[in-house]
C-alpha atoms as a PDB file:
ATOM      1  CA  MET A   1      14.839  76.151  70.281  1.00  0.00           C
ATOM      2  CA  MET A   2      14.296  73.875  67.624  1.00  0.00           C
ATOM      3  CA  THR A   3      15.679  70.510  68.160  1.00  0.00           C
ATOM      4  CA  GLY A   4      17.095  67.839  65.694  1.00  0.00           C
ATOM      5  CA  PRO A   5      14.247  65.432  66.369  1.00  0.00           C
ATOM      6  CA  ALA A   6      11.570  67.804  65.779  1.00  0.00           C
ATOM      7  CA  TRP A   7      12.923  69.434  63.046  1.00  0.00           C
ATOM      8  CA  SER A   8      13.271  65.797  61.546  1.00  0.00           C
ATOM      9  CA  GLN A   9       9.759  64.934  62.089  1.00  0.00           C
ATOM     10  CA  LYS A  10       8.017  67.634  60.772  1.00  0.00           C
ATOM     11  CA  LEU A  11      10.064  67.624  57.383  1.00  0.00           C
ATOM     12  CA  ARG A  12       9.315  63.483  57.658  1.00  0.00           C
ATOM     13  CA  ASP A  13       5.635  64.125  57.754  1.00  0.00           C
ATOM     14  CA  GLU A  14       5.379  66.491  54.969  1.00  0.00           C
ATOM     15  CA  ILE A  15       7.361  64.189  52.729  1.00  0.00           C
ATOM     16  CA  GLY A  16       5.285  61.408  53.840  1.00  0.00           C
ATOM     17  CA  LYS A  17       2.293  62.919  52.176  1.00  0.00           C
ATOM     18  CA  ALA A  18       3.712  62.147  48.758  1.00  0.00           C
ATOM     19  CA  VAL A  19       6.257  59.408  49.391  1.00  0.00           C
ATOM     20  CA  ILE A  20       5.826  55.998  51.295  1.00  0.00           C
ATOM     21  CA  GLY A  21       8.747  54.585  52.979  1.00  0.00           C
ATOM     22  CA  GLN A  22      12.501  55.426  52.038  1.00  0.00           C
ATOM     23  CA  ASN A  23      13.245  56.588  55.755  1.00  0.00           C
ATOM     24  CA  ALA A  24      16.916  55.967  55.611  1.00  0.00           C
ATOM     25  CA  VAL A  25      16.983  57.664  52.531  1.00  0.00           C
ATOM     26  CA  VAL A  26      15.029  60.783  53.769  1.00  0.00           C
ATOM     27  CA  GLU A  27      17.103  60.957  56.801  1.00  0.00           C
ATOM     28  CA  ARG A  28      20.476  60.847  54.764  1.00  0.00           C
ATOM     29  CA  LEU A  29      18.825  63.781  52.641  1.00  0.00           C
ATOM     30  CA  LEU A  30      18.334  65.778  55.870  1.00  0.00           C
ATOM     31  CA  VAL A  31      21.959  65.415  56.994  1.00  0.00           C
ATOM     32  CA  ALA A  32      23.245  66.366  53.598  1.00  0.00           C
ATOM     33  CA  LEU A  33      21.335  69.550  54.164  1.00  0.00           C
ATOM     34  CA  LEU A  34      22.576  70.254  57.296  1.00  0.00           C
ATOM     35  CA  ALA A  35      25.949  69.449  56.421  1.00  0.00           C
ATOM     36  CA  ASN A  36      25.657  71.527  53.262  1.00  0.00           C
ATOM     37  CA  GLY A  37      26.261  68.865  50.694  1.00  0.00           C
ATOM     38  CA  HIS A  38      25.439  67.388  47.257  1.00  0.00           C
ATOM     39  CA  VAL A  39      23.794  64.059  47.276  1.00  0.00           C
ATOM     40  CA  LEU A  40      23.678  61.488  44.134  1.00  0.00           C
ATOM     41  CA  LEU A  41      20.898  59.038  44.494  1.00  0.00           C
ATOM     42  CA  GLU A  42      21.333  55.838  42.522  1.00  0.00           C
ATOM     43  CA  GLY A  43      18.424  53.455  41.754  1.00  0.00           C
ATOM     44  CA  MET A  44      16.117  51.707  39.417  1.00  0.00           C
ATOM     45  CA  PRO A  45      13.309  53.235  37.638  1.00  0.00           C
ATOM     46  CA  GLY A  46      10.202  54.074  39.146  1.00  0.00           C
ATOM     47  CA  LEU A  47      11.281  54.221  43.052  1.00  0.00           C
ATOM     48  CA  ALA A  48      10.273  57.820  43.368  1.00  0.00           C
ATOM     49  CA  LYS A  49      14.236  59.248  43.254  1.00  0.00           C
ATOM     50  CA  THR A  50      12.548  62.334  41.498  1.00  0.00           C
ATOM     51  CA  LEU A  51       9.503  63.057  43.541  1.00  0.00           C
ATOM     52  CA  LEU A  52      11.541  62.653  46.633  1.00  0.00           C
ATOM     53  CA  ILE A  53      13.733  65.541  45.816  1.00  0.00           C
ATOM     54  CA  LYS A  54      11.037  67.673  44.840  1.00  0.00           C
ATOM     55  CA  SER A  55       8.908  67.040  47.881  1.00  0.00           C
ATOM     56  CA  LEU A  56      11.762  67.753  49.937  1.00  0.00           C
ATOM     57  CA  GLY A  57      12.492  71.140  47.847  1.00  0.00           C
ATOM     58  CA  THR A  58       8.580  71.749  48.885  1.00  0.00           C
ATOM     59  CA  ALA A  59       8.794  70.758  52.496  1.00  0.00           C
ATOM     60  CA  LEU A  60      11.744  72.848  53.000  1.00  0.00           C
ATOM     61  CA  GLY A  61      10.123  75.914  51.413  1.00  0.00           C
ATOM     62  CA  VAL A  62      13.318  76.699  49.110  1.00  0.00           C
ATOM     63  CA  GLN A  63      13.180  77.568  45.392  1.00  0.00           C
ATOM     64  CA  PHE A  64      13.052  74.358  43.665  1.00  0.00           C
ATOM     65  CA  GLU A  65      14.600  73.831  39.651  1.00  0.00           C
ATOM     66  CA  ARG A  66      14.755  70.631  37.779  1.00  0.00           C
ATOM     67  CA  ILE A  67      17.205  70.042  34.704  1.00  0.00           C
ATOM     68  CA  GLN A  68      16.654  66.873  32.733  1.00  0.00           C
ATOM     69  CA  PHE A  69      19.976  65.869  31.606  1.00  0.00           C
ATOM     70  CA  THR A  70      20.223  64.840  27.973  1.00  0.00           C
ATOM     71  CA  PRO A  71      23.437  63.813  25.428  1.00  0.00           C
ATOM     72  CA  ASP A  72      22.119  67.352  23.812  1.00  0.00           C
ATOM     73  CA  LEU A  73      22.124  69.498  26.571  1.00  0.00           C
ATOM     74  CA  LEU A  74      24.645  72.274  26.722  1.00  0.00           C
ATOM     75  CA  PRO A  75      26.547  74.369  29.435  1.00  0.00           C
ATOM     76  CA  SER A  76      24.317  77.471  28.702  1.00  0.00           C
ATOM     77  CA  ASP A  77      21.043  75.305  29.327  1.00  0.00           C
ATOM     78  CA  VAL A  78      22.313  74.842  32.984  1.00  0.00           C
ATOM     79  CA  VAL A  79      24.104  78.112  33.863  1.00  0.00           C
ATOM     80  CA  GLY A  80      22.554  80.682  31.667  1.00  0.00           C
ATOM     81  CA  THR A  81      23.992  82.810  28.745  1.00  0.00           C
ATOM     82  CA  MET A  82      24.407  86.287  27.588  1.00  0.00           C
ATOM     83  CA  ILE A  83      21.465  87.925  25.816  1.00  0.00           C
ATOM     84  CA  PHE A  84      21.659  90.633  23.319  1.00  0.00           C
ATOM     85  CA  GLN A  85      19.426  93.940  24.154  1.00  0.00           C
ATOM     86  CA  PRO A  86      18.690  95.579  21.038  1.00  0.00           C
ATOM     87  CA  LYS A  87      17.261  98.706  22.927  1.00  0.00           C
ATOM     88  CA  ASN A  88      20.778  99.680  24.449  1.00  0.00           C
ATOM     89  CA  GLY A  89      23.237  97.388  22.212  1.00  0.00           C
ATOM     90  CA  GLU A  90      24.336  95.776  25.390  1.00  0.00           C
ATOM     91  CA  PHE A  91      24.506  92.120  26.365  1.00  0.00           C
ATOM     92  CA  THR A  92      22.993  90.736  29.584  1.00  0.00           C
ATOM     93  CA  ALA A  93      23.123  87.978  31.583  1.00  0.00           C
ATOM     94  CA  HIS A  94      20.101  85.210  31.394  1.00  0.00           C
ATOM     95  CA  ARG A  95      20.521  83.151  34.520  1.00  0.00           C
ATOM     96  CA  GLY A  96      19.683  78.965  34.156  1.00  0.00           C
ATOM     97  CA  PRO A  97      17.827  76.994  36.195  1.00  0.00           C
ATOM     98  CA  ILE A  98      20.773  76.354  38.574  1.00  0.00           C
ATOM     99  CA  PHE A  99      20.200  79.418  40.469  1.00  0.00           C
ATOM    100  CA  ALA A 100      18.015  78.079  42.901  1.00  0.00           C
ATOM    101  CA  ASN A 101      18.181  76.843  46.375  1.00  0.00           C
ATOM    102  CA  LEU A 102      17.598  73.085  45.294  1.00  0.00           C
ATOM    103  CA  VAL A 103      18.631  71.841  41.958  1.00  0.00           C
ATOM    104  CA  LEU A 104      17.432  68.297  40.938  1.00  0.00           C
ATOM    105  CA  ALA A 105      20.058  67.062  38.044  1.00  0.00           C
ATOM    106  CA  ASP A 106      17.735  64.290  36.820  1.00  0.00           C
ATOM    107  CA  GLU A 107      19.830  61.236  35.036  1.00  0.00           C
ATOM    108  CA  ILE A 108      22.905  63.280  35.632  1.00  0.00           C
ATOM    109  CA  ASN A 109      25.184  60.412  33.947  1.00  0.00           C
ATOM    110  CA  ARG A 110      23.489  61.336  30.384  1.00  0.00           C
ATOM    111  CA  ALA A 111      24.937  64.820  29.915  1.00  0.00           C
ATOM    112  CA  PRO A 112      28.285  65.200  27.765  1.00  0.00           C
ATOM    113  CA  ALA A 113      31.667  66.246  29.667  1.00  0.00           C
ATOM    114  CA  LYS A 114      31.134  69.815  28.828  1.00  0.00           C
ATOM    115  CA  VAL A 115      28.053  70.273  30.756  1.00  0.00           C
ATOM    116  CA  GLN A 116      29.528  68.395  33.877  1.00  0.00           C
ATOM    117  CA  SER A 117      32.330  71.004  33.804  1.00  0.00           C
ATOM    118  CA  ALA A 118      29.877  73.427  34.160  1.00  0.00           C
ATOM    119  CA  LEU A 119      27.867  71.861  36.873  1.00  0.00           C
ATOM    120  CA  LEU A 120      31.350  71.134  38.668  1.00  0.00           C
ATOM    121  CA  GLU A 121      31.945  74.699  39.232  1.00  0.00           C
ATOM    122  CA  GLY A 122      28.662  75.532  40.919  1.00  0.00           C
ATOM    123  CA  MET A 123      28.919  72.503  43.360  1.00  0.00           C
ATOM    124  CA  GLN A 124      32.319  73.144  44.493  1.00  0.00           C
ATOM    125  CA  GLU A 125      32.437  76.639  44.554  1.00  0.00           C
ATOM    126  CA  ARG A 126      28.625  77.902  44.862  1.00  0.00           C
ATOM    127  CA  GLN A 127      29.114  79.951  42.143  1.00  0.00           C
ATOM    128  CA  VAL A 128      28.864  80.102  38.047  1.00  0.00           C
ATOM    129  CA  THR A 129      30.571  81.922  35.206  1.00  0.00           C
ATOM    130  CA  ILE A 130      28.665  83.661  32.395  1.00  0.00           C
ATOM    131  CA  GLY A 131      30.115  85.491  29.986  1.00  0.00           C
ATOM    132  CA  GLY A 132      33.440  86.136  31.655  1.00  0.00           C
ATOM    133  CA  GLN A 133      31.782  87.214  35.069  1.00  0.00           C
ATOM    134  CA  THR A 134      31.104  85.413  37.932  1.00  0.00           C
ATOM    135  CA  HIS A 135      27.969  85.046  39.671  1.00  0.00           C
ATOM    136  CA  PRO A 136      27.284  83.737  43.076  1.00  0.00           C
ATOM    137  CA  LEU A 137      24.595  81.076  43.516  1.00  0.00           C
ATOM    138  CA  PRO A 138      21.203  81.530  46.162  1.00  0.00           C
ATOM    139  CA  LYS A 139      22.228  80.370  49.654  1.00  0.00           C
ATOM    140  CA  PRO A 140      21.155  77.552  50.837  1.00  0.00           C
ATOM    141  CA  PHE A 141      22.487  75.779  47.539  1.00  0.00           C
ATOM    142  CA  PHE A 142      22.235  71.877  46.622  1.00  0.00           C
ATOM    143  CA  VAL A 143      22.557  69.981  43.734  1.00  0.00           C
ATOM    144  CA  MET A 144      20.511  66.500  44.286  1.00  0.00           C
ATOM    145  CA  ALA A 145      21.187  64.036  41.337  1.00  0.00           C
ATOM    146  CA  THR A 146      19.553  60.603  40.443  1.00  0.00           C
ATOM    147  CA  GLN A 147      21.161  58.071  37.913  1.00  0.00           C
ATOM    148  CA  ASN A 148      20.059  54.948  36.569  1.00  0.00           C
ATOM    149  CA  PRO A 149      22.577  52.197  37.412  1.00  0.00           C
ATOM    150  CA  VAL A 150      21.406  49.658  34.645  1.00  0.00           C
ATOM    151  CA  GLU A 151      20.640  51.599  31.358  1.00  0.00           C
ATOM    152  CA  GLN A 152      24.166  52.756  30.248  1.00  0.00           C
ATOM    153  CA  GLU A 153      23.416  53.247  26.457  1.00  0.00           C
ATOM    154  CA  GLY A 154      23.924  56.859  26.044  1.00  0.00           C
ATOM    155  CA  THR A 155      25.158  57.843  28.985  1.00  0.00           C
ATOM    156  CA  TYR A 156      28.400  59.085  30.547  1.00  0.00           C
ATOM    157  CA  PRO A 157      29.952  57.848  33.302  1.00  0.00           C
ATOM    158  CA  LEU A 158      30.629  60.553  35.891  1.00  0.00           C
ATOM    159  CA  PRO A 159      34.272  61.491  36.516  1.00  0.00           C
ATOM    160  CA  GLU A 160      36.178  60.808  39.692  1.00  0.00           C
ATOM    161  CA  ALA A 161      36.377  64.674  40.156  1.00  0.00           C
ATOM    162  CA  GLN A 162      32.752  65.111  40.265  1.00  0.00           C
ATOM    163  CA  THR A 163      31.594  62.095  42.443  1.00  0.00           C
ATOM    164  CA  ASP A 164      34.023  63.490  45.060  1.00  0.00           C
ATOM    165  CA  ARG A 165      32.171  66.218  45.370  1.00  0.00           C
ATOM    166  CA  PHE A 166      28.874  64.623  46.406  1.00  0.00           C
ATOM    167  CA  LEU A 167      28.522  64.427  49.988  1.00  0.00           C
ATOM    168  CA  PHE A 168      26.635  60.920  49.944  1.00  0.00           C
ATOM    169  CA  LYS A 169      25.853  58.468  47.412  1.00  0.00           C
ATOM    170  CA  LEU A 170      22.844  57.064  48.307  1.00  0.00           C
ATOM    171  CA  ILE A 171      21.391  53.357  47.246  1.00  0.00           C
ATOM    172  CA  VAL A 172      17.586  53.513  46.665  1.00  0.00           C
ATOM    173  CA  GLU A 173      16.307  50.059  47.171  1.00  0.00           C
ATOM    174  CA  TYR A 174      12.803  48.755  46.544  1.00  0.00           C
ATOM    175  CA  PRO A 175       9.737  49.363  48.857  1.00  0.00           C
ATOM    176  CA  THR A 176       8.740  46.510  50.849  1.00  0.00           C
ATOM    177  CA  ALA A 177       5.303  44.403  49.905  1.00  0.00           C
ATOM    178  CA  GLU A 178       3.404  46.710  52.452  1.00  0.00           C
ATOM    179  CA  GLU A 179       4.782  50.182  51.388  1.00  0.00           C
ATOM    180  CA  GLU A 180       3.933  48.392  47.670  1.00  0.00           C
ATOM    181  CA  SER A 181       0.464  48.322  48.689  1.00  0.00           C
ATOM    182  CA  SER A 182       0.090  51.543  50.737  1.00  0.00           C
ATOM    183  CA  MET A 183       1.397  53.113  47.257  1.00  0.00           C
ATOM    184  CA  MET A 184      -1.629  51.548  45.355  1.00  0.00           C
ATOM    185  CA  GLN A 185      -4.110  52.478  47.536  1.00  0.00           C
ATOM    186  CA  ARG A 186      -2.745  56.134  48.199  1.00  0.00           C
ATOM    187  CA  TRP A 187      -1.914  56.869  44.367  1.00  0.00           C
ATOM    188  CA  GLY A 188      -4.712  54.657  43.010  1.00  0.00           C
ATOM    189  CA  GLN A 189      -6.950  57.539  42.671  1.00  0.00           C
ATOM    190  CA  VAL A 190      -6.147  60.483  40.101  1.00  0.00           C
ATOM    191  CA  THR A 191      -8.550  62.537  41.964  1.00  0.00           C
ATOM    192  CA  LYS A 192      -6.662  62.161  45.374  1.00  0.00           C
ATOM    193  CA  GLN A 193      -3.131  63.272  44.755  1.00  0.00           C
ATOM    194  CA  PRO A 194      -1.420  64.784  47.906  1.00  0.00           C
ATOM    195  CA  SER A 195      -0.751  68.576  48.187  1.00  0.00           C
ATOM    196  CA  LEU A 196       2.610  69.647  50.468  1.00  0.00           C
ATOM    197  CA  VAL A 197       3.039  72.566  52.194  1.00  0.00           C
ATOM    198  CA  ALA A 198       6.073  74.289  53.175  1.00  0.00           C
ATOM    199  CA  ALA A 199       7.210  73.291  56.627  1.00  0.00           C
ATOM    200  CA  SER A 200      10.628  74.951  57.114  1.00  0.00           C
ATOM    201  CA  SER A 201      12.753  77.562  55.121  1.00  0.00           C
ATOM    202  CA  GLY A 202      15.933  77.977  54.024  1.00  0.00           C
ATOM    203  CA  GLU A 203      16.683  80.620  56.869  1.00  0.00           C
ATOM    204  CA  GLU A 204      15.643  77.994  59.025  1.00  0.00           C
ATOM    205  CA  LEU A 205      17.980  75.682  57.876  1.00  0.00           C
ATOM    206  CA  LEU A 206      20.981  77.990  57.695  1.00  0.00           C
ATOM    207  CA  ALA A 207      20.117  79.228  61.265  1.00  0.00           C
ATOM    208  CA  LEU A 208      20.066  75.413  62.486  1.00  0.00           C
ATOM    209  CA  ARG A 209      23.925  74.767  61.464  1.00  0.00           C
ATOM    210  CA  ALA A 210      25.295  76.752  64.153  1.00  0.00           C
ATOM    211  CA  GLN A 211      23.667  74.093  66.463  1.00  0.00           C
ATOM    212  CA  VAL A 212      25.326  71.541  64.382  1.00  0.00           C
ATOM    213  CA  ASP A 213      28.446  72.859  64.735  1.00  0.00           C
ATOM    214  CA  ALA A 214      27.888  72.824  68.911  1.00  0.00           C
ATOM    215  CA  ILE A 215      27.951  69.165  68.434  1.00  0.00           C
ATOM    216  CA  HIS A 216      31.038  67.758  70.395  1.00  0.00           C
ATOM    217  CA  LEU A 217      33.618  65.486  68.438  1.00  0.00           C
ATOM    218  CA  SER A 218      36.294  63.950  70.900  1.00  0.00           C
ATOM    219  CA  PRO A 219      39.786  63.435  69.258  1.00  0.00           C
ATOM    220  CA  ALA A 220      39.534  59.691  69.642  1.00  0.00           C
ATOM    221  CA  VAL A 221      36.675  60.139  67.106  1.00  0.00           C
ATOM    222  CA  GLN A 222      38.431  62.224  64.983  1.00  0.00           C
ATOM    223  CA  GLY A 223      41.300  59.914  64.804  1.00  0.00           C
ATOM    224  CA  TYR A 224      38.614  57.024  64.291  1.00  0.00           C
ATOM    225  CA  ILE A 225      37.482  58.898  60.952  1.00  0.00           C
ATOM    226  CA  LEU A 226      41.057  59.423  59.890  1.00  0.00           C
ATOM    227  CA  ALA A 227      41.594  55.609  60.652  1.00  0.00           C
ATOM    228  CA  VAL A 228      38.833  54.592  58.217  1.00  0.00           C
ATOM    229  CA  VAL A 229      39.821  56.918  55.315  1.00  0.00           C
ATOM    230  CA  ARG A 230      43.304  56.242  55.433  1.00  0.00           C
ATOM    231  CA  GLY A 231      42.428  52.646  55.910  1.00  0.00           C
ATOM    232  CA  THR A 232      40.989  52.626  52.201  1.00  0.00           C
ATOM    233  CA  ARG A 233      44.081  54.105  50.749  1.00  0.00           C
ATOM    234  CA  ALA A 234      46.440  51.600  52.532  1.00  0.00           C
ATOM    235  CA  LEU A 235      44.558  48.853  49.961  1.00  0.00           C
ATOM    236  CA  ALA A 236      45.190  50.560  47.166  1.00  0.00           C
ATOM    237  CA  GLU A 237      48.913  50.478  47.733  1.00  0.00           C
ATOM    238  CA  ARG A 238      50.894  48.736  45.400  1.00  0.00           C
ATOM    239  CA  ASN A 239      53.765  47.256  48.039  1.00  0.00           C
ATOM    240  CA  THR A 240      51.222  45.288  50.292  1.00  0.00           C
ATOM    241  CA  GLY A 241      51.865  41.892  48.821  1.00  0.00           C
ATOM    242  CA  ALA A 242      48.223  40.816  48.711  1.00  0.00           C
ATOM    243  CA  LYS A 243      45.834  41.189  46.046  1.00  0.00           C
ATOM    244  CA  ARG A 244      44.775  44.589  45.402  1.00  0.00           C
ATOM    245  CA  TYR A 245      41.329  45.353  45.015  1.00  0.00           C
ATOM    246  CA  LEU A 246      41.651  49.213  44.913  1.00  0.00           C
ATOM    247  CA  ASN A 247      43.026  51.583  42.658  1.00  0.00           C
ATOM    248  CA  PHE A 248      42.963  54.537  44.847  1.00  0.00           C
ATOM    249  CA  GLY A 249      41.325  55.088  47.813  1.00  0.00           C
ATOM    250  CA  ALA A 250      39.149  57.803  49.326  1.00  0.00           C
ATOM    251  CA  SER A 251      40.480  61.323  49.310  1.00  0.00           C
ATOM    252  CA  PRO A 252      40.515  63.928  52.363  1.00  0.00           C
ATOM    253  CA  ARG A 253      37.015  65.112  51.321  1.00  0.00           C
ATOM    254  CA  ALA A 254      35.845  61.900  52.715  1.00  0.00           C
ATOM    255  CA  SER A 255      37.166  62.520  56.340  1.00  0.00           C
ATOM    256  CA  LEU A 256      35.644  66.329  55.813  1.00  0.00           C
ATOM    257  CA  ALA A 257      32.434  64.365  54.916  1.00  0.00           C
ATOM    258  CA  LEU A 258      32.283  62.011  57.892  1.00  0.00           C
ATOM    259  CA  TYR A 259      33.139  64.702  60.217  1.00  0.00           C
ATOM    260  CA  GLN A 260      30.686  67.117  58.751  1.00  0.00           C
ATOM    261  CA  ALA A 261      27.663  64.539  58.395  1.00  0.00           C
ATOM    262  CA  GLY A 262      28.326  63.075  61.486  1.00  0.00           C
ATOM    263  CA  ARG A 263      27.850  65.781  63.604  1.00  0.00           C
ATOM    264  CA  ALA A 264      24.617  66.972  61.389  1.00  0.00           C
ATOM    265  CA  LEU A 265      23.273  63.216  61.855  1.00  0.00           C
ATOM    266  CA  ALA A 266      23.944  63.172  65.824  1.00  0.00           C
ATOM    267  CA  TRP A 267      21.953  66.416  66.003  1.00  0.00           C
ATOM    268  CA  LEU A 268      19.273  64.729  64.045  1.00  0.00           C
ATOM    269  CA  ARG A 269      18.645  62.007  66.481  1.00  0.00           C
ATOM    270  CA  GLY A 270      19.175  64.333  69.762  1.00  0.00           C
ATOM    271  CA  GLN A 271      22.800  63.416  70.747  1.00  0.00           C
ATOM    272  CA  ASP A 272      25.055  65.939  71.735  1.00  0.00           C
ATOM    273  CA  TYR A 273      28.353  64.209  70.733  1.00  0.00           C
ATOM    274  CA  LEU A 274      29.572  62.292  67.420  1.00  0.00           C
ATOM    275  CA  SER A 275      29.883  58.342  68.561  1.00  0.00           C
ATOM    276  CA  PRO A 276      31.956  55.925  66.327  1.00  0.00           C
ATOM    277  CA  SER A 277      28.694  53.807  65.785  1.00  0.00           C
ATOM    278  CA  LEU A 278      27.365  56.757  63.987  1.00  0.00           C
ATOM    279  CA  VAL A 279      30.735  57.066  61.912  1.00  0.00           C
ATOM    280  CA  GLN A 280      30.233  53.500  60.924  1.00  0.00           C
ATOM    281  CA  GLU A 281      26.608  53.920  59.799  1.00  0.00           C
ATOM    282  CA  LEU A 282      27.496  56.256  57.328  1.00  0.00           C
ATOM    283  CA  ALA A 283      30.620  55.144  55.954  1.00  0.00           C
ATOM    284  CA  PRO A 284      29.183  53.200  53.103  1.00  0.00           C
ATOM    285  CA  ASP A 285      27.178  56.347  52.127  1.00  0.00           C
ATOM    286  CA  VAL A 286      30.420  58.424  52.389  1.00  0.00           C
ATOM    287  CA  LEU A 287      32.870  56.172  50.921  1.00  0.00           C
ATOM    288  CA  ARG A 288      31.102  54.007  48.156  1.00  0.00           C
ATOM    289  CA  HIS A 289      31.636  56.387  45.389  1.00  0.00           C
ATOM    290  CA  ARG A 290      34.919  57.706  46.218  1.00  0.00           C
ATOM    291  CA  ILE A 291      36.958  54.325  45.892  1.00  0.00           C
ATOM    292  CA  GLY A 292      38.054  52.800  42.683  1.00  0.00           C
ATOM    293  CA  LEU A 293      37.562  49.117  42.297  1.00  0.00           C
ATOM    294  CA  THR A 294      40.268  47.208  40.257  1.00  0.00           C
ATOM    295  CA  TYR A 295      39.261  44.954  37.588  1.00  0.00           C
ATOM    296  CA  GLU A 296      40.208  41.890  39.644  1.00  0.00           C
ATOM    297  CA  ALA A 297      37.536  43.148  42.187  1.00  0.00           C
ATOM    298  CA  GLU A 298      34.997  43.612  39.694  1.00  0.00           C
ATOM    299  CA  ALA A 299      35.693  40.354  37.926  1.00  0.00           C
ATOM    300  CA  GLU A 300      34.880  38.673  41.700  1.00  0.00           C
ATOM    301  CA  GLU A 301      32.123  40.721  42.019  1.00  0.00           C
ATOM    302  CA  ILE A 302      33.313  42.580  45.209  1.00  0.00           C
ATOM    303  CA  THR A 303      31.365  45.924  45.690  1.00  0.00           C
ATOM    304  CA  PRO A 304      32.539  49.185  47.115  1.00  0.00           C
ATOM    305  CA  ASP A 305      30.386  48.448  50.144  1.00  0.00           C
ATOM    306  CA  ALA A 306      31.880  45.171  50.595  1.00  0.00           C
ATOM    307  CA  ILE A 307      35.224  46.818  50.585  1.00  0.00           C
ATOM    308  CA  VAL A 308      33.976  49.850  53.099  1.00  0.00           C
ATOM    309  CA  SER A 309      32.641  46.655  55.593  1.00  0.00           C
ATOM    310  CA  GLN A 310      36.305  45.369  55.280  1.00  0.00           C
ATOM    311  CA  VAL A 311      37.583  48.386  56.563  1.00  0.00           C
ATOM    312  CA  LEU A 312      35.624  48.960  58.930  1.00  0.00           C
ATOM    313  CA  GLU A 313      36.100  45.416  60.314  1.00  0.00           C
ATOM    314  CA  ARG A 314      39.953  45.975  60.422  1.00  0.00           C
ATOM    315  CA  THR A 315      39.856  49.408  62.082  1.00  0.00           C
ATOM    316  CA  PRO A 316      40.031  49.366  65.791  1.00  0.00           C
ATOM    317  CA  VAL A 317      37.069  51.418  67.408  1.00  0.00           C
ATOM    318  CA  PRO A 318      38.102  53.961  70.271  1.00  0.00           C
ATOM    319  CA  ALA A 319      37.408  52.996  73.713  1.00  0.00           C
ATOM    320  CA  GLN A 320      35.990  56.334  74.980  1.00  0.00           C
ATOM    321  CA  ALA A 321      34.199  58.676  72.363  1.00  0.00           C
END
């Protein structure tokens, strides 16, 4: 039987042929695959976000499609459209690039609202509507999106309803000096570009989820997850008397995300139960895009991660997991 550390290592080894570093991000992507969740990656240009997702698709051995989001993109460019067939005089559905196992939505915040709404149905319902007919998406199905945090000209901020559909929002940081030096040595010669092969499959991924579902989660840890998520809502209440830093707290999807992702991370690390420490580790990635900062918080340069840290400090940790 495949164990979590063994499955993780074989995929990491394959992805590592093309991507140097980003170990924490890679682990979160694997957690999202096991938890059946979508991921939003945010980082400066040139940090290999697109390469990372493409390499993950190759290593996983699934069908991969990339959609470059632009302001003139249409919903039909994503989900497909109806094509007239002159031979029989009928319209048939032409499926768009969303009909893949792993869809890279590159620079997702550059597309207008009507494209976002078309993508939203696929993310939430795992289906799309073309010409009034509903078409199921393949299994497994994931959307992994990237966005640039600094270049805001010509962009459309993602609506809260859509960001809430992402299991994680991951911040991709700059590499270390040693990693950047290794990049120059590996990528400096054009003739030595790495070639990746499939180390797993979509069928194997679907089968492994049964093992993730078997991870034990005690009532105490379940209560801890609820306390953390509801703690963000308490900060948004207007009757606290203290200065408000949140307009709204995390939705129930945050509780489900911590529940599902926590068990997936425990399985990946070879543990048979979910501990409070893993919940604390995942909390920033699950919550940072699900809480709304007030103008006062932004003026004081308070970040969502700082709010999450504050909630974790105030929430009692259960003595027994």
